[in-house]
């Protein structure tokens, strides 16, 4: 479980995250969405340790981000939108390096991910020659090597082709079934409503609402409108 309590992140002249509290349970897939500039990436960067100057508390089970950062990193998978990779390594070398760092013996898992994500043809080419979408696939694969306790993806699959998206969804479902907490931050509302067990909406640094899949279905049934319409209404109401 990930527990965020009264988290505030400030930059010069900007309040990025405003007293946010939210809980992510084990074995669930969460969608984190909101307009551009809502605070999603700042929230996630604080969660994964890329932002350390914040008020409030972030706990992974009984581990605190500020006190137990290295232990958390060993159990956490993270995929950013624009991954910084070792461009001079081949894809296979990079994935093996990640496995070695995590001290896991994962040749079969690496082979499975390479096949599922359509990396076969370029896996032994250097990453410098990869497209943005291919780099996102390698980053995604690296994030889940060793089957982490917590997996956080920040706009990390926007460059996937349709076939890879379907396969990535199946991989994430299997991870959640095994107990991993999965968080997908994305502005693609249709995708997260289809993929996620719970959806959390942010705007202007605040957590506006959270919905289970059953609640989303109820909203659609009772209003006769799409969840996208409900989302827009919520954002506009908050802005007024």
Protein backbone atom coordinates (compact mmCIF):
# COMPACT_ATOMS: atom_id res chain seq x y z
CA UNK A 1 0.00 0.00 0.00
CA UNK A 2 1.09 3.56 -0.71
CA UNK A 3 -0.20 6.22 1.68
CA UNK A 4 0.18 9.93 0.89
CA UNK A 5 -0.76 12.31 3.68
CA UNK A 6 -1.10 16.10 3.35
CA UNK A 7 1.52 16.31 0.61
CA UNK A 8 2.48 19.80 -0.52
CA UNK A 9 5.05 20.52 -3.24
CA UNK A 10 6.01 24.10 -4.03
CA UNK A 11 8.22 25.64 -6.68
CA UNK A 12 9.12 29.34 -6.93
CA UNK A 13 5.87 31.09 -7.76
CA UNK A 14 3.85 27.89 -8.04
CA UNK A 15 2.01 25.50 -5.74
CA UNK A 16 2.34 22.21 -7.63
CA UNK A 17 0.68 19.86 -5.12
CA UNK A 18 -1.72 21.31 -2.56
CA UNK A 19 -2.21 19.30 0.65
CA UNK A 20 -2.97 16.06 -1.21
CA UNK A 21 -3.94 12.89 0.66
CA UNK A 22 -4.62 9.61 -1.14
CA UNK A 23 -4.17 5.88 -0.59
CA UNK A 24 -3.25 3.22 -3.16
CA UNK A 25 -4.06 -0.35 -2.13
CA UNK A 26 -2.10 -3.46 -3.08
CA UNK A 27 -3.26 -5.48 -6.06
CA UNK A 28 -5.13 -2.61 -7.72
CA UNK A 29 -4.55 -0.62 -10.91
CA UNK A 30 -5.04 3.12 -10.37
CA UNK A 31 -5.44 5.81 -12.97
CA UNK A 32 -4.26 9.31 -12.06
CA UNK A 33 -5.61 11.91 -14.44
CA UNK A 34 -6.31 15.61 -14.82
CA UNK A 35 -5.64 18.54 -17.15
CA UNK A 36 -2.12 19.56 -18.10
CA UNK A 37 -0.47 21.21 -15.11
CA UNK A 38 -2.81 19.48 -12.63
CA UNK A 39 0.11 18.32 -10.48
CA UNK A 40 0.21 14.66 -11.51
CA UNK A 41 3.89 14.56 -12.40
CA UNK A 42 4.92 16.55 -9.32
CA UNK A 43 2.98 14.14 -7.13
CA UNK A 44 4.64 11.16 -8.79
CA UNK A 45 8.13 12.66 -8.68
CA UNK A 46 7.73 13.14 -4.94
CA UNK A 47 6.52 9.55 -4.62
CA UNK A 48 9.51 8.07 -6.44
CA UNK A 49 12.06 10.32 -4.75
CA UNK A 50 12.87 12.71 -7.59
CA UNK A 51 11.48 15.57 -5.51
CA UNK A 52 12.62 15.51 -1.90
CA UNK A 53 11.68 19.03 -0.82
CA UNK A 54 8.05 18.64 0.21
CA UNK A 55 5.78 18.85 3.24
CA UNK A 56 3.66 15.91 4.34
CA UNK A 57 4.39 12.20 4.33
CA UNK A 58 4.74 9.45 1.72
CA UNK A 59 4.71 5.86 2.96
CA UNK A 60 5.19 2.62 1.06
CA UNK A 61 3.77 0.01 3.44
CA UNK A 62 5.77 0.80 6.60
CA UNK A 63 8.60 2.56 4.76
CA UNK A 64 8.85 6.36 4.66
CA UNK A 65 10.15 7.97 1.48
CA UNK A 66 12.45 10.42 3.24
CA UNK A 67 13.94 7.90 5.68
CA UNK A 68 13.88 4.66 3.65
CA UNK A 69 14.55 5.91 0.13
CA UNK A 70 17.04 3.21 -0.90
CA UNK A 71 14.88 0.34 0.36
CA UNK A 72 11.86 1.76 -1.46
CA UNK A 73 13.85 2.14 -4.68
CA UNK A 74 14.80 -1.54 -4.57
CA UNK A 75 11.11 -2.51 -4.58
CA UNK A 76 9.76 0.19 -6.88
CA UNK A 77 9.35 0.24 -10.66
CA UNK A 78 9.12 3.64 -12.36
CA UNK A 79 8.51 4.55 -15.98
CA UNK A 80 8.66 8.25 -17.00
CA UNK A 81 7.35 9.82 -20.20
CA UNK A 82 10.84 10.65 -21.48
CA UNK A 83 13.16 8.00 -20.04
CA UNK A 84 16.86 8.73 -19.70
CA UNK A 85 18.54 5.57 -20.94
CA UNK A 86 22.09 4.40 -21.61
CA UNK A 87 22.06 5.05 -25.34
CA UNK A 88 25.31 3.17 -26.02
CA UNK A 89 23.90 -0.09 -24.65
CA UNK A 90 21.75 -2.48 -26.62
CA UNK A 91 18.23 -3.03 -25.37
CA UNK A 92 19.17 -6.49 -24.11
CA UNK A 93 22.26 -5.17 -22.30
CA UNK A 94 20.20 -2.44 -20.65
CA UNK A 95 17.53 -4.85 -19.39
CA UNK A 96 20.18 -7.25 -18.12
CA UNK A 97 21.91 -4.37 -16.33
CA UNK A 98 18.64 -3.50 -14.57
CA UNK A 99 18.19 -7.15 -13.57
CA UNK A 100 21.74 -7.23 -12.18
CA UNK A 101 21.19 -4.02 -10.20
CA UNK A 102 18.03 -5.50 -8.70
CA UNK A 103 19.85 -8.78 -8.09
CA UNK A 104 17.23 -10.86 -9.88
CA UNK A 105 17.80 -13.76 -12.24
CA UNK A 106 15.35 -12.85 -14.98
CA UNK A 107 16.43 -14.18 -18.42
CA UNK A 108 13.04 -15.79 -19.05
CA UNK A 109 11.16 -12.69 -17.88
CA UNK A 110 13.31 -10.49 -20.12
CA UNK A 111 12.68 -12.77 -23.10
CA UNK A 112 8.94 -12.69 -22.37
CA UNK A 113 8.86 -8.89 -22.19
CA UNK A 114 10.92 -8.52 -25.36
CA UNK A 115 8.51 -10.76 -27.24
CA UNK A 116 5.31 -9.29 -25.79
CA UNK A 117 6.33 -5.68 -26.46
CA UNK A 118 7.53 -6.32 -30.01
CA UNK A 119 11.17 -5.56 -29.28
CA UNK A 120 12.59 -8.67 -30.94
CA UNK A 121 14.02 -7.06 -34.06
CA UNK A 122 15.87 -4.23 -32.30
CA UNK A 123 16.70 -5.73 -28.92
CA UNK A 124 20.35 -6.25 -29.92
CA UNK A 125 20.67 -2.81 -31.51
CA UNK A 126 21.90 0.15 -29.46
CA UNK A 127 19.20 2.25 -27.81
CA UNK A 128 20.47 5.39 -29.58
CA UNK A 129 18.83 4.02 -32.73
CA UNK A 130 15.43 3.50 -31.09
CA UNK A 131 12.37 5.64 -31.75
CA UNK A 132 10.60 7.38 -28.86
CA UNK A 133 8.04 4.59 -28.72
CA UNK A 134 10.73 1.91 -28.63
CA UNK A 135 12.54 3.74 -25.84
CA UNK A 136 9.30 3.86 -23.87
CA UNK A 137 8.91 0.10 -24.34
CA UNK A 138 12.42 -0.58 -23.04
CA UNK A 139 11.78 1.73 -20.08
CA UNK A 140 8.47 -0.02 -19.38
CA UNK A 141 10.15 -3.44 -19.50
CA UNK A 142 12.93 -2.22 -17.19
CA UNK A 143 10.39 -0.91 -14.69
CA UNK A 144 8.76 -4.31 -14.24
CA UNK A 145 11.81 -6.60 -14.25
CA UNK A 146 11.78 -8.46 -10.97
CA UNK A 147 8.04 -7.85 -10.55
CA UNK A 148 8.17 -4.82 -8.22
CA UNK A 149 5.93 -4.32 -5.20
CA UNK A 150 4.89 -0.93 -6.57
CA UNK A 151 4.84 0.22 -10.20
CA UNK A 152 4.38 3.87 -11.16
CA UNK A 153 4.03 4.95 -14.80
CA UNK A 154 3.99 8.66 -15.63
CA UNK A 155 2.67 9.09 -19.20
CA UNK A 156 5.01 6.18 -19.87
CA UNK A 157 3.08 4.32 -22.58
CA UNK A 158 1.85 7.17 -24.78
CA UNK A 159 4.15 6.07 -27.59
CA UNK A 160 3.01 2.43 -27.67
CA UNK A 161 1.41 1.02 -30.80
CA UNK A 162 -2.10 -0.52 -30.41
CA UNK A 163 -0.87 -4.13 -30.21
CA UNK A 164 1.72 -3.25 -27.56
CA UNK A 165 -0.91 -1.35 -25.58
CA UNK A 166 -3.13 -4.42 -25.38
CA UNK A 167 -0.19 -6.56 -24.29
CA UNK A 168 0.97 -3.96 -21.77
CA UNK A 169 -2.52 -3.93 -20.28
CA UNK A 170 -2.41 -7.70 -19.85
CA UNK A 171 1.03 -7.49 -18.22
CA UNK A 172 -0.21 -4.87 -15.75
CA UNK A 173 -3.30 -6.92 -14.92
CA UNK A 174 -1.12 -9.94 -14.17
CA UNK A 175 1.12 -7.83 -11.92
CA UNK A 176 -1.89 -6.49 -10.02
CA UNK A 177 -3.27 -10.01 -9.57
CA UNK A 178 0.08 -10.95 -8.01
CA UNK A 179 -0.24 -8.08 -5.52
CA UNK A 180 1.62 -5.19 -7.18
CA UNK A 181 0.21 -1.70 -6.70
CA UNK A 182 0.04 -0.16 -10.20
CA UNK A 183 -0.38 3.59 -10.78
CA UNK A 184 -0.80 4.97 -14.30
CA UNK A 185 -0.69 8.75 -14.68
CA UNK A 186 -2.17 9.74 -18.01
CA UNK A 187 -4.28 12.44 -19.64
CA UNK A 188 -5.80 9.78 -21.94
CA UNK A 189 -9.10 9.39 -20.10
CA UNK A 190 -10.50 6.64 -22.32
CA UNK A 191 -7.51 4.40 -21.67
CA UNK A 192 -7.49 4.69 -17.90
CA UNK A 193 -11.26 4.21 -17.60
CA UNK A 194 -10.86 0.94 -19.48
CA UNK A 195 -7.69 -0.23 -17.73
CA UNK A 196 -8.00 0.86 -14.12
CA UNK A 197 -9.84 -0.39 -11.04
CA UNK A 198 -9.80 3.08 -9.49
CA UNK A 199 -9.49 6.56 -11.01
CA UNK A 200 -8.22 9.63 -9.16
CA UNK A 201 -8.72 13.10 -10.61
CA UNK A 202 -6.38 16.01 -9.90
CA UNK A 203 -6.54 19.67 -10.81
CA UNK A 204 -4.59 22.70 -9.62
CA UNK A 205 -2.52 20.51 -7.32
CA UNK A 206 -5.49 19.06 -5.46
CA UNK A 207 -7.16 15.66 -5.38
CA UNK A 208 -10.68 16.41 -6.60
CA UNK A 209 -12.29 12.97 -6.53
CA UNK A 210 -11.75 9.24 -6.68
CA UNK A 211 -13.95 6.64 -8.35
CA UNK A 212 -14.10 2.86 -8.46
CA UNK A 213 -15.04 1.11 -11.69
CA UNK A 214 -18.50 0.38 -10.22
CA UNK A 215 -18.99 4.07 -9.39
CA UNK A 216 -18.01 5.08 -12.92
CA UNK A 217 -20.51 2.63 -14.39
CA UNK A 218 -23.19 3.99 -12.04
CA UNK A 219 -22.48 7.59 -13.08
CA UNK A 220 -22.76 6.68 -16.75
CA UNK A 221 -25.96 4.71 -16.17
CA UNK A 222 -27.68 7.36 -14.05
CA UNK A 223 -26.69 10.43 -16.08
CA UNK A 224 -26.83 8.91 -19.53
CA UNK A 225 -23.55 10.66 -20.27
CA UNK A 226 -19.99 9.42 -20.66
CA UNK A 227 -17.48 9.57 -17.83
CA UNK A 228 -15.53 12.03 -19.98
CA UNK A 229 -18.52 14.39 -19.75
CA UNK A 230 -18.58 13.94 -15.97
CA UNK A 231 -14.83 14.61 -15.82
CA UNK A 232 -15.19 17.83 -17.82
CA UNK A 233 -18.08 19.00 -15.66
CA UNK A 234 -16.04 18.36 -12.51
CA UNK A 235 -13.06 20.32 -13.83
CA UNK A 236 -15.21 23.25 -14.99
CA UNK A 237 -17.13 23.35 -11.70
CA UNK A 238 -13.88 23.45 -9.75
CA UNK A 239 -12.49 26.20 -11.98
CA UNK A 240 -15.54 28.45 -11.54
